[in-house]
Amino acid sequence: MLESSKSQKQDNYNHIVIFAGGQLHTELILYTDSADFIIGADRGALFLISHGIIPDLAIGDFDSVTDEERALVESTSKRYVGCDAVDKNYTDTELAFQTALSYKPDLITICGATGTRLDHTLANIHLLRQAVEANIMCRIADNNNLIMLTKKEIVVSAQHLQHFKYVSLLPLSMEVRGITLSGFAYPLQDATLQIGQSVGISNELVAATGSIRIVSGYLLVICSRD
């Protein structure tokens, strides 16, 4: 179940932050400082509430919390949308993501999208393609990574990277052509990366800003630290 598009179009949000039910760290709460709208998906809503953040929307089947915790989420959140754990077509994270997309914000940040379930992690990374097609900037953040996707250009700055040391490039399509990097330790000019290659791993920003431009394909840009 998704929020009705009619009610959503009445609002205009620049930055929507989603907290999903994967691995979450207190440090990620900082992303809510710039949020216009905060969504808690399943256990992500409980995490927010336990850290003093009231979700604007709590959504999911809430099968990873107890009945008492679900009741707390429902009574505390500004809006609550529950769904059946079996009779649904999307994961809780995608339910939250689809709702965020319908608001057409400038930026979506997803926390708790990575974790021990590799299938969920990969599925959540693949969600980034929907945002790219909708011309909405989206990023997945955890304690060690900031994951983005482009089919055109991404500009990163030292301030943007903050504590992330490495910038890695991985194709999300079979091939990415026309990759041009500037401001990095290992520049590229009109290069091609094919899926399965690791040549784009562990680059580093050496200028105040760095640009990553491509001609065709879908390129993952992963800022990371050990």
Protein backbone atom coordinates (compact mmCIF):
# COMPACT_ATOMS: atom_id res chain seq x y z
CA MET A 1 0.00 0.00 0.00
CA LEU A 2 1.33 3.41 -0.97
CA GLU A 3 0.29 6.86 0.14
CA SER A 4 -2.22 8.45 -2.24
CA SER A 5 -0.57 10.56 -4.92
CA LYS A 6 -3.29 13.19 -4.58
CA SER A 7 -2.29 14.09 -1.01
CA GLN A 8 1.42 13.90 -1.81
CA LYS A 9 1.33 16.40 -4.67
CA GLN A 10 0.08 19.05 -2.28
CA ASP A 11 3.49 19.06 -0.57
CA ASN A 12 6.90 20.08 -1.82
CA TYR A 13 9.93 18.51 -0.17
CA ASN A 14 13.54 19.13 -1.15
CA HIS A 15 15.12 16.32 0.90
CA ILE A 16 13.41 13.12 2.01
CA VAL A 17 15.25 10.75 4.34
CA ILE A 18 14.28 7.09 4.68
CA PHE A 19 15.39 4.88 7.55
CA ALA A 20 14.98 1.23 6.60
CA GLY A 21 15.46 -1.92 8.66
CA GLY A 22 19.06 -2.80 7.76
CA GLN A 23 22.19 -1.91 9.71
CA LEU A 24 21.76 1.47 11.37
CA HIS A 25 24.19 3.59 13.38
CA THR A 26 23.54 6.61 15.57
CA GLU A 27 25.83 8.64 13.29
CA LEU A 28 23.23 8.37 10.50
CA ILE A 29 20.77 10.47 12.50
CA LEU A 30 22.74 13.50 11.23
CA TYR A 31 21.05 13.06 7.84
CA THR A 32 17.72 14.02 9.40
CA ASP A 33 19.05 17.52 10.19
CA SER A 34 18.50 18.63 6.59
CA ALA A 35 15.38 16.54 5.96
CA ASP A 36 12.04 18.06 5.02
CA PHE A 37 10.27 14.71 5.40
CA ILE A 38 11.34 11.57 7.28
CA ILE A 39 10.08 8.06 6.52
CA GLY A 40 10.62 5.04 8.75
CA ALA A 41 10.31 1.68 7.03
CA ASP A 42 9.57 -1.22 9.38
CA ARG A 43 12.30 -1.38 12.06
CA GLY A 44 13.76 1.87 10.74
CA ALA A 45 10.77 3.70 12.21
CA LEU A 46 11.46 2.17 15.64
CA PHE A 47 15.12 3.22 15.36
CA LEU A 48 14.11 6.82 14.68
CA ILE A 49 11.68 6.94 17.58
CA SER A 50 14.23 5.39 19.96
CA HIS A 51 16.58 8.26 19.03
CA GLY A 52 14.02 10.98 19.58
CA ILE A 53 13.06 11.47 15.91
CA ILE A 54 9.35 11.35 15.07
CA PRO A 55 8.77 9.92 11.55
CA ASP A 56 6.48 11.90 9.30
CA LEU A 57 5.48 8.51 7.91
CA ALA A 58 5.95 4.95 9.19
CA ILE A 59 5.33 2.29 6.55
CA GLY A 60 5.75 -1.48 6.21
CA ASP A 61 4.53 -4.82 7.48
CA PHE A 62 6.45 -4.42 10.76
CA ASP A 63 7.16 -8.13 10.97
CA SER A 64 10.61 -7.44 12.45
CA VAL A 65 9.28 -5.74 15.59
CA THR A 66 7.19 -6.96 18.49
CA ASP A 67 3.49 -6.14 18.82
CA GLU A 68 4.35 -3.64 21.55
CA GLU A 69 6.98 -1.96 19.38
CA ARG A 70 4.59 -1.80 16.43
CA ALA A 71 1.98 -0.17 18.65
CA LEU A 72 4.57 2.38 19.77
CA VAL A 73 5.46 3.17 16.15
CA GLU A 74 1.81 3.52 15.19
CA SER A 75 0.95 5.79 18.10
CA THR A 76 4.09 7.95 17.84
CA SER A 77 4.50 8.48 14.09
CA LYS A 78 2.67 11.35 12.42
CA ARG A 79 1.26 8.90 9.86
CA TYR A 80 1.23 5.13 9.86
CA VAL A 81 0.66 2.84 6.86
CA GLY A 82 0.65 -0.87 7.63
CA CYS A 83 0.51 -3.70 5.10
CA ASP A 84 0.26 -7.47 5.10
CA ALA A 85 3.60 -9.27 5.42
CA VAL A 86 2.66 -11.80 2.72
CA ASP A 87 0.22 -10.04 0.38
CA LYS A 88 2.53 -7.32 -0.96
CA ASN A 89 4.68 -6.84 -4.05
CA TYR A 90 7.44 -4.66 -2.62
CA THR A 91 9.90 -4.84 0.24
CA ASP A 92 9.32 -2.35 3.06
CA THR A 93 12.24 -0.29 1.79
CA GLU A 94 10.78 -0.07 -1.70
CA LEU A 95 7.36 0.86 -0.29
CA ALA A 96 9.03 3.80 1.46
CA PHE A 97 11.12 4.60 -1.62
CA GLN A 98 8.13 4.61 -3.98
CA THR A 99 6.33 6.95 -1.60
CA ALA A 100 9.35 9.26 -1.51
CA LEU A 101 9.60 9.26 -5.32
CA SER A 102 5.97 10.30 -5.64
CA TYR A 103 6.75 13.55 -3.80
CA LYS A 104 9.33 14.39 -6.51
CA PRO A 105 11.97 15.77 -4.10
CA ASP A 106 15.39 17.04 -5.15
CA LEU A 107 17.18 14.45 -3.00
CA ILE A 108 16.39 11.14 -1.31
CA THR A 109 18.75 9.66 1.30
CA ILE A 110 18.22 6.04 2.33
CA CYS A 111 19.78 4.81 5.58
CA GLY A 112 19.56 1.21 6.73
CA ALA A 113 19.46 -0.12 3.16
CA THR A 114 22.57 -2.27 3.60
CA GLY A 115 23.30 -5.07 6.04
CA THR A 116 23.75 -8.79 6.43
CA ARG A 117 21.09 -9.69 3.85
CA LEU A 118 22.98 -9.36 0.56
CA ASP A 119 19.79 -9.90 -1.45
CA HIS A 120 18.14 -6.91 0.23
CA THR A 121 21.31 -4.83 -0.09
CA LEU A 122 21.58 -5.47 -3.84
CA ALA A 123 17.85 -4.91 -4.37
CA ASN A 124 18.10 -1.57 -2.57
CA ILE A 125 21.11 -0.50 -4.65
CA HIS A 126 19.09 -1.34 -7.77
CA LEU A 127 16.38 1.05 -6.56
CA LEU A 128 18.76 3.88 -7.43
CA ARG A 129 18.02 3.31 -11.11
CA GLN A 130 14.39 4.27 -10.59
CA ALA A 131 15.51 7.57 -9.07
CA VAL A 132 17.88 8.24 -11.97
CA GLU A 133 15.07 7.67 -14.47
CA ALA A 134 12.89 10.08 -12.48
CA ASN A 135 15.71 12.69 -12.50
CA ILE A 136 15.87 12.61 -8.69
CA MET A 137 19.21 12.47 -6.89
CA CYS A 138 19.27 9.50 -4.52
CA ARG A 139 21.97 8.12 -2.26
CA ILE A 140 22.30 5.15 0.07
CA ALA A 141 24.23 5.91 3.26
CA ASP A 142 25.65 3.67 5.94
CA ASN A 143 28.51 4.07 8.38
CA ASN A 144 31.17 3.18 5.80
CA ASN A 145 29.64 3.97 2.41
CA LEU A 146 27.79 6.56 0.38
CA ILE A 147 26.35 4.96 -2.77
CA MET A 148 25.06 6.92 -5.77
CA LEU A 149 24.20 6.18 -9.40
CA THR A 150 24.50 8.30 -12.53
CA LYS A 151 23.83 8.07 -16.23
CA LYS A 152 25.27 11.54 -16.87
CA GLU A 153 27.47 13.30 -14.32
CA ILE A 154 28.18 13.49 -10.61
CA VAL A 155 30.33 16.18 -9.00
CA VAL A 156 31.82 15.43 -5.58
CA SER A 157 33.70 17.75 -3.26
CA ALA A 158 35.99 17.27 -0.29
CA GLN A 159 33.18 18.63 1.87
CA HIS A 160 30.75 16.21 0.25
CA LEU A 161 33.02 13.23 0.89
CA GLN A 162 33.73 14.26 4.50
CA HIS A 163 35.22 11.16 6.15
CA PHE A 164 35.09 8.92 3.05
CA LYS A 165 38.55 8.27 1.63
CA TYR A 166 37.89 6.23 -1.49
CA VAL A 167 35.71 6.75 -4.57
CA SER A 168 35.01 3.60 -6.55
CA LEU A 169 33.23 3.18 -9.88
CA LEU A 170 31.25 0.07 -10.81
CA PRO A 171 28.94 -0.46 -13.79
CA LEU A 172 25.30 -1.24 -13.02
CA SER A 173 24.69 -1.84 -16.73
CA MET A 174 26.52 -4.32 -18.92
CA GLU A 175 28.81 -1.52 -20.07
CA VAL A 176 29.50 2.13 -19.25
CA ARG A 177 31.09 4.23 -21.99
CA GLY A 178 32.74 7.62 -22.14
CA ILE A 179 33.87 7.76 -18.51
CA THR A 180 35.85 10.93 -17.88
CA LEU A 181 37.23 11.81 -14.45
CA SER A 182 38.86 15.04 -13.31
CA GLY A 183 40.18 15.93 -9.87
CA PHE A 184 41.08 12.33 -8.98
CA ALA A 185 44.39 10.58 -8.35
CA TYR A 186 43.70 8.27 -11.29
CA PRO A 187 42.03 10.32 -14.04
CA LEU A 188 40.18 8.73 -16.96
CA GLN A 189 39.37 10.09 -20.41
CA ASP A 190 36.58 8.55 -22.48
CA ALA A 191 37.12 5.16 -20.82
CA THR A 192 34.86 2.11 -20.89
CA LEU A 193 34.01 -0.17 -17.98
CA GLN A 194 32.27 -3.50 -18.41
CA ILE A 195 30.32 -5.25 -15.70
CA GLY A 196 32.60 -7.63 -13.80
CA GLN A 197 35.68 -5.40 -14.00
CA SER A 198 37.27 -3.99 -10.83
CA VAL A 199 39.57 -1.41 -12.42
CA GLY A 200 37.43 1.43 -11.03
CA ILE A 201 37.94 0.49 -7.37
CA SER A 202 39.64 2.75 -4.78
CA ASN A 203 40.27 6.03 -6.57
CA GLU A 204 40.86 9.14 -4.42
CA LEU A 205 39.90 12.79 -4.72
CA VAL A 206 42.98 15.03 -4.95
CA ALA A 207 41.30 18.37 -5.78
CA ALA A 208 38.68 20.47 -4.02
CA THR A 209 36.09 18.98 -6.36
CA GLY A 210 36.02 16.07 -8.75
CA SER A 211 33.72 15.36 -11.66
CA ILE A 212 32.58 11.99 -13.00
CA ARG A 213 30.99 12.15 -16.46
CA ILE A 214 29.74 9.32 -18.63
CA VAL A 215 28.26 9.10 -22.13
CA SER A 216 26.13 5.95 -21.80
CA GLY A 217 25.19 3.31 -19.25
CA TYR A 218 24.61 3.38 -15.49
CA LEU A 219 27.58 3.94 -13.21
CA LEU A 220 27.65 3.32 -9.47
CA VAL A 221 29.74 5.86 -7.55
CA ILE A 222 30.64 4.50 -4.13
CA CYS A 223 32.40 6.70 -1.58
CA SER A 224 33.78 4.52 1.20
CA ARG A 225 36.11 4.11 4.13
CA ASP A 226 37.52 1.07 5.94
